[in-house]
Protein backbone atom coordinates (compact mmCIF):
# COMPACT_ATOMS: atom_id res chain seq x y z
CA MET A 1 -2.33 11.15 31.11
CA HIS A 2 -5.71 11.23 29.40
CA PRO A 3 -7.31 7.75 29.05
CA ARG A 4 -7.66 7.95 25.27
CA PRO A 5 -4.02 8.82 24.46
CA PHE A 6 -2.89 6.25 27.02
CA GLY A 7 -5.07 3.58 25.41
CA ARG A 8 -3.73 4.46 21.96
CA ALA A 9 -0.16 4.26 23.25
CA VAL A 10 -0.79 0.83 24.77
CA GLY A 11 -2.40 -0.37 21.54
CA ALA A 12 0.50 0.95 19.46
CA VAL A 13 3.05 -0.75 21.72
CA ALA A 14 1.12 -4.04 21.50
CA VAL A 15 0.97 -3.92 17.70
CA ILE A 16 4.66 -3.02 17.44
CA ALA A 17 5.57 -5.84 19.82
CA VAL A 18 3.65 -8.46 17.82
CA PHE A 19 4.78 -7.40 14.36
CA GLY A 20 8.27 -6.54 15.57
CA ALA A 21 8.72 -10.06 16.92
CA LEU A 22 7.60 -11.52 13.59
CA LEU A 23 10.03 -9.29 11.71
CA VAL A 24 12.87 -10.32 14.01
CA LEU A 25 12.12 -14.00 13.38
CA LEU A 26 11.93 -13.33 9.64
CA VAL A 27 15.31 -11.58 9.54
CA SER A 28 17.02 -14.10 11.81
CA GLY A 29 15.70 -16.99 9.72
CA SER A 30 17.05 -15.40 6.56
CA LEU A 31 20.57 -15.31 8.05
CA HIS A 32 20.88 -19.08 8.39
CA VAL A 33 23.13 -21.02 6.04
CA PRO A 34 21.10 -22.39 3.07
CA GLY A 35 21.17 -26.15 2.62
CA LEU A 36 21.17 -27.05 6.29
CA PRO A 37 18.14 -28.58 8.06
CA PRO A 38 15.93 -25.91 9.66
CA PRO A 39 16.30 -25.55 13.45
CA THR A 40 13.68 -27.23 15.61
CA THR A 41 13.31 -24.08 17.75
CA PRO A 42 13.56 -20.38 16.80
CA ASP A 43 17.19 -19.32 16.63
CA LEU A 44 17.37 -15.53 16.97
CA VAL A 45 21.13 -15.35 16.45
CA PRO A 46 22.15 -17.99 13.90
CA ASP A 47 25.57 -19.53 14.26
CA PRO A 48 27.16 -19.01 11.85
CA LEU A 49 25.59 -15.91 10.32
CA SER A 50 25.25 -16.03 6.55
CA THR A 51 23.95 -13.66 3.87
CA GLU A 52 24.11 -16.36 1.22
CA GLY A 53 20.31 -16.60 1.25
CA TYR A 54 20.00 -13.02 -0.03
CA ARG A 55 22.37 -13.64 -2.92
CA ARG A 56 20.65 -16.87 -3.91
CA SER A 57 17.16 -15.39 -3.58
CA ALA A 58 18.06 -12.56 -5.93
CA GLU A 59 19.68 -15.01 -8.35
CA LEU A 60 17.05 -17.77 -8.35
CA GLY A 61 13.95 -15.61 -8.08
CA GLY A 62 14.94 -12.76 -10.36
CA LEU A 63 14.11 -10.36 -7.55
CA ALA A 64 16.05 -7.44 -9.00
CA ARG A 65 13.90 -7.22 -12.14
CA ALA A 66 10.74 -8.04 -10.19
CA THR A 67 11.49 -5.31 -7.65
CA LEU A 68 11.99 -2.82 -10.47
CA ASN A 69 8.63 -3.79 -11.99
CA SER A 70 6.84 -3.50 -8.65
CA MET A 71 8.45 -0.13 -7.96
CA LEU A 72 7.45 1.13 -11.40
CA VAL A 73 3.83 0.13 -10.78
CA CYS A 74 3.83 1.82 -7.37
CA LEU A 75 5.47 5.01 -8.65
CA VAL A 76 2.56 5.43 -11.07
CA ALA A 77 -0.31 3.97 -9.06
CA VAL A 78 0.26 5.71 -5.71
CA PRO A 79 0.26 9.38 -6.85
CA VAL A 80 -2.56 8.79 -9.34
CA SER A 81 -4.65 7.02 -6.72
CA VAL A 82 -4.06 9.77 -4.14
CA PHE A 83 -4.95 12.46 -6.68
CA VAL A 84 -8.17 10.75 -7.73
CA ALA A 85 -9.21 9.99 -4.15
CA ALA A 86 -8.42 13.50 -2.92
CA THR A 87 -10.23 15.30 -5.73
CA ALA A 88 -13.23 12.98 -5.49
CA GLY A 89 -13.41 13.38 -1.71
CA PHE A 90 -13.20 17.17 -1.97
CA ALA A 91 -15.85 17.23 -4.70
CA LEU A 92 -18.24 15.35 -2.41
CA THR A 93 -18.01 18.20 0.09
CA GLN A 94 -18.93 20.77 -2.56
CA VAL A 95 -22.04 19.15 -4.03
CA SER A 96 -25.49 18.96 -2.54
CA ALA A 97 -26.15 16.72 0.45
CA ARG A 98 -28.47 14.52 -1.60
CA THR A 99 -25.86 13.94 -4.30
CA SER A 100 -23.16 13.18 -1.76
CA ARG A 101 -25.40 10.66 0.02
CA VAL A 102 -26.08 8.84 -3.26
CA VAL A 103 -22.38 8.69 -4.15
CA ILE A 104 -21.43 7.54 -0.64
CA GLY A 105 -24.10 4.83 -0.78
CA LEU A 106 -22.81 3.58 -4.13
CA SER A 107 -19.26 3.60 -2.79
CA LEU A 108 -20.30 1.48 0.18
CA VAL A 109 -22.01 -0.97 -2.17
CA ALA A 110 -18.83 -1.12 -4.29
CA LEU A 111 -16.81 -1.89 -1.15
CA MET A 112 -18.97 -4.97 -0.56
CA VAL A 113 -18.26 -6.41 -4.02
CA PRO A 114 -15.45 -9.01 -3.80
CA ALA A 115 -12.47 -8.10 -5.95
CA VAL A 116 -12.37 -11.67 -7.29
CA ALA A 117 -15.83 -11.18 -8.81
CA LEU A 118 -14.40 -8.48 -11.09
CA LEU A 119 -11.49 -10.52 -12.43
CA VAL A 120 -13.34 -12.06 -15.39
CA PRO A 121 -14.81 -8.81 -16.78
CA ARG A 122 -11.52 -7.01 -16.14
CA PHE A 123 -9.59 -9.72 -17.97
CA ALA A 124 -12.01 -9.57 -20.90
CA LEU A 125 -11.67 -5.78 -21.05
CA PHE A 126 -7.87 -5.70 -20.96
CA ARG A 127 -7.65 -8.58 -23.41
CA ALA A 128 -9.86 -6.68 -25.85
CA LEU A 129 -7.56 -3.68 -25.43
CA ASP A 130 -4.53 -5.96 -26.00
CA LEU A 131 -3.05 -4.94 -22.62
CA THR A 132 -2.69 -8.39 -21.03
CA GLY A 133 0.92 -9.31 -20.47
CA THR A 134 1.79 -5.69 -19.62
CA LEU A 135 1.86 -3.71 -16.37
CA ALA A 136 -1.10 -1.55 -17.47
CA PRO A 137 -3.77 -3.71 -15.74
CA LEU A 138 -1.86 -3.35 -12.46
CA VAL A 139 -1.86 0.45 -12.72
CA ALA A 140 -5.43 0.83 -13.99
CA PRO A 141 -7.15 0.56 -10.55
CA ALA A 142 -5.46 3.83 -9.59
CA LEU A 143 -7.75 5.61 -12.05
CA ILE A 144 -10.61 4.84 -9.65
CA ALA A 145 -8.52 5.55 -6.52
CA THR A 146 -7.58 1.84 -6.07
CA SER A 147 -10.36 1.39 -3.50
CA PRO A 148 -13.75 3.12 -2.99
CA LEU A 149 -12.71 3.55 0.64
CA TYR A 150 -10.08 6.20 -0.05
CA PRO A 151 -12.40 8.90 -1.48
CA LEU A 152 -14.66 8.37 1.54
CA VAL A 153 -11.70 8.87 3.88
CA TYR A 154 -10.84 12.11 2.12
CA TYR A 155 -14.48 13.17 2.20
CA LEU A 156 -14.56 12.83 5.98
CA ALA A 157 -11.27 14.71 6.28
CA PHE A 158 -12.34 17.61 4.05
CA ARG A 159 -15.71 17.72 5.75
CA ALA A 160 -13.96 18.30 9.09
CA VAL A 161 -12.40 21.49 7.73
CA PRO A 162 -14.43 24.54 8.89
CA ALA A 163 -16.90 25.57 6.21
CA GLU A 164 -15.96 29.21 6.80
CA LEU A 165 -12.61 28.56 5.11
CA TYR A 166 -14.32 27.35 1.95
CA ASP A 167 -16.71 30.32 2.05
CA ALA A 168 -13.78 32.70 2.39
CA CYS A 169 -12.13 31.12 -0.63
CA ARG A 170 -15.29 31.65 -2.68
CA LEU A 171 -15.42 35.29 -1.61
CA GLU A 172 -11.81 35.68 -2.72
CA GLY A 173 -12.75 34.30 -6.14
CA MET A 174 -10.68 31.12 -5.83
CA SER A 175 -11.68 28.26 -8.11
CA PRO A 176 -12.65 24.91 -6.56
CA LEU A 177 -9.43 23.34 -7.86
CA ARG A 178 -7.30 26.07 -6.31
CA THR A 179 -9.24 25.82 -3.04
CA TRP A 180 -8.62 22.10 -3.00
CA TRP A 181 -4.89 22.51 -3.59
CA ARG A 182 -4.10 25.62 -1.55
CA VAL A 183 -6.49 25.19 1.39
CA GLY A 184 -7.84 21.66 1.58
CA MET A 185 -4.78 19.51 0.90
CA PRO A 186 -2.40 21.21 3.38
CA LEU A 187 -4.95 20.61 6.15
CA VAL A 188 -5.28 16.87 5.49
CA ARG A 189 -1.63 15.89 5.07
CA PRO A 190 -1.83 13.06 7.64
CA VAL A 191 -4.71 11.58 5.64
CA THR A 192 -2.66 11.86 2.45
CA ALA A 193 0.27 10.10 4.12
CA GLY A 194 -2.01 7.31 5.33
CA VAL A 195 -3.77 6.81 1.99
CA ALA A 196 -0.46 6.85 0.13
CA ALA A 197 1.02 4.26 2.49
CA LEU A 198 -2.02 1.98 2.26
CA THR A 199 -2.10 2.28 -1.52
CA PHE A 200 1.61 1.47 -1.73
CA VAL A 201 1.27 -1.64 0.43
CA LEU A 202 -1.84 -2.82 -1.41
CA THR A 203 -0.15 -2.35 -4.79
CA TRP A 204 3.23 -3.67 -3.68
CA SER A 205 1.78 -6.88 -2.22
CA ASN A 206 -0.76 -7.48 -5.01
CA PHE A 207 -0.41 -11.12 -6.06
CA LEU A 208 -3.70 -11.98 -7.74
CA ASP A 209 -3.65 -9.38 -10.52
CA PRO A 210 -0.08 -10.16 -11.68
CA LEU A 211 -0.94 -13.86 -11.58
CA VAL A 212 -3.87 -13.28 -13.95
CA PHE A 213 -2.48 -10.62 -16.28
CA LEU A 214 1.28 -11.31 -16.53
CA TYR A 215 2.81 -14.19 -18.50
CA ASP A 216 6.41 -13.18 -19.26
CA ARG A 217 8.93 -13.59 -16.44
CA ASP A 218 10.50 -10.25 -17.37
CA THR A 219 7.26 -8.50 -16.34
CA PHE A 220 6.77 -10.40 -13.06
CA THR A 221 6.31 -8.32 -9.94
CA LEU A 222 7.82 -9.17 -6.56
CA PRO A 223 4.95 -11.34 -5.21
CA LEU A 224 5.12 -13.55 -8.32
CA ALA A 225 8.88 -13.82 -8.05
CA LEU A 226 8.56 -14.88 -4.41
CA ARG A 227 6.17 -17.64 -5.42
CA SER A 228 8.98 -19.33 -7.35
CA LEU A 229 11.13 -19.31 -4.21
CA ALA A 230 8.34 -20.96 -2.21
CA THR A 231 8.85 -24.17 -4.22
CA LEU A 232 12.43 -24.64 -2.99
CA ASP A 233 13.50 -27.52 -0.76
CA PRO A 234 12.78 -27.02 3.00
CA THR A 235 16.53 -26.96 3.64
CA ASP A 236 16.67 -23.77 1.57
CA PHE A 237 14.17 -21.92 3.74
CA PRO A 238 16.69 -19.06 4.36
CA VAL A 239 16.54 -18.27 0.64
CA PHE A 240 12.78 -17.81 0.72
CA LEU A 241 12.93 -15.85 3.99
CA ALA A 242 15.61 -13.59 2.51
CA GLY A 243 13.31 -12.85 -0.41
CA ALA A 244 10.49 -12.16 2.02
CA VAL A 245 12.71 -9.69 3.91
CA LEU A 246 13.56 -7.88 0.68
CA ALA A 247 9.88 -7.71 -0.19
CA THR A 248 8.80 -6.55 3.27
CA ALA A 249 11.44 -3.87 3.85
CA PRO A 250 10.01 -1.25 1.43
CA ALA A 251 6.53 -1.53 2.96
CA VAL A 252 7.95 -1.08 6.47
CA VAL A 253 9.93 1.97 5.33
CA VAL A 254 6.87 3.54 3.69
CA PHE A 255 4.74 3.03 6.80
CA ALA A 256 7.50 4.52 8.98
CA LEU A 257 7.77 7.57 6.72
CA ALA A 258 3.99 8.00 6.67
CA GLN A 259 3.83 7.80 10.47
CA ARG A 260 6.70 10.25 10.81
CA GLY A 261 4.91 12.64 8.47
CA SER A 262 1.76 12.41 10.58
CA TRP A 263 3.67 13.12 13.80
CA PHE A 264 5.49 16.04 12.14
CA LYS A 265 2.21 17.56 11.03
CA LYS A 266 0.69 17.17 14.50
CA GLY A 267 3.77 18.76 16.02
CA ASN A 268 3.42 21.76 13.74
CA ARG A 269 -0.18 22.17 14.76
CA GLY A 270 0.77 22.02 18.41
């Protein structure tokens, strides 16, 4: 076996082992009976098993409505963010080298700006637009690809495509938009899967923005709903852990689907 694939396999197994163990502890803790003192040592197989924590977490935290709100935000933010990042990254490969260097430099500077530093101007802007208290401020970052990193990732991916393919498309009279869609995007599907998964997790787990912009409990997203469960008595820790399981499961599923899509694409190439 080649050293690099072997090293990647070992790294993947190590990561899976660490996070898998944490997930097992999370799930096992959620299956304890609420109201009893927490065990002094980790109990992987609770006796007796109970799903009461899941029912109470959904009832006390309003997780059903919060999950719906979070899913609505992700259903809008993820495809918009991927579209903006992909088109911006492709455009960087079609402009002059000087222009692309300037844009890349500005993107790197934007990456160094703490997100917290933008909260006050963002709040002032959305308040002036009368959008505070709605889900619009949570979706708005998708209009700039959620993070300046994602267009740069797409830029590197599109840049790796042989330039002869783009030249052939020009000779065939294809527009830049059609070249992007018909030639560029099919060749960077693993990148699209990765960016979509990262955007989903970042949006799904966003706590600070909902805390600042949302006031009505009916508009709370899942991280805000979980915060209410964190104030429960320590004897009700299975209720909070059950809510954490419900919040973590979609992110794990999305990452698994993204990884499967990457493997499937590599298999097709092979």
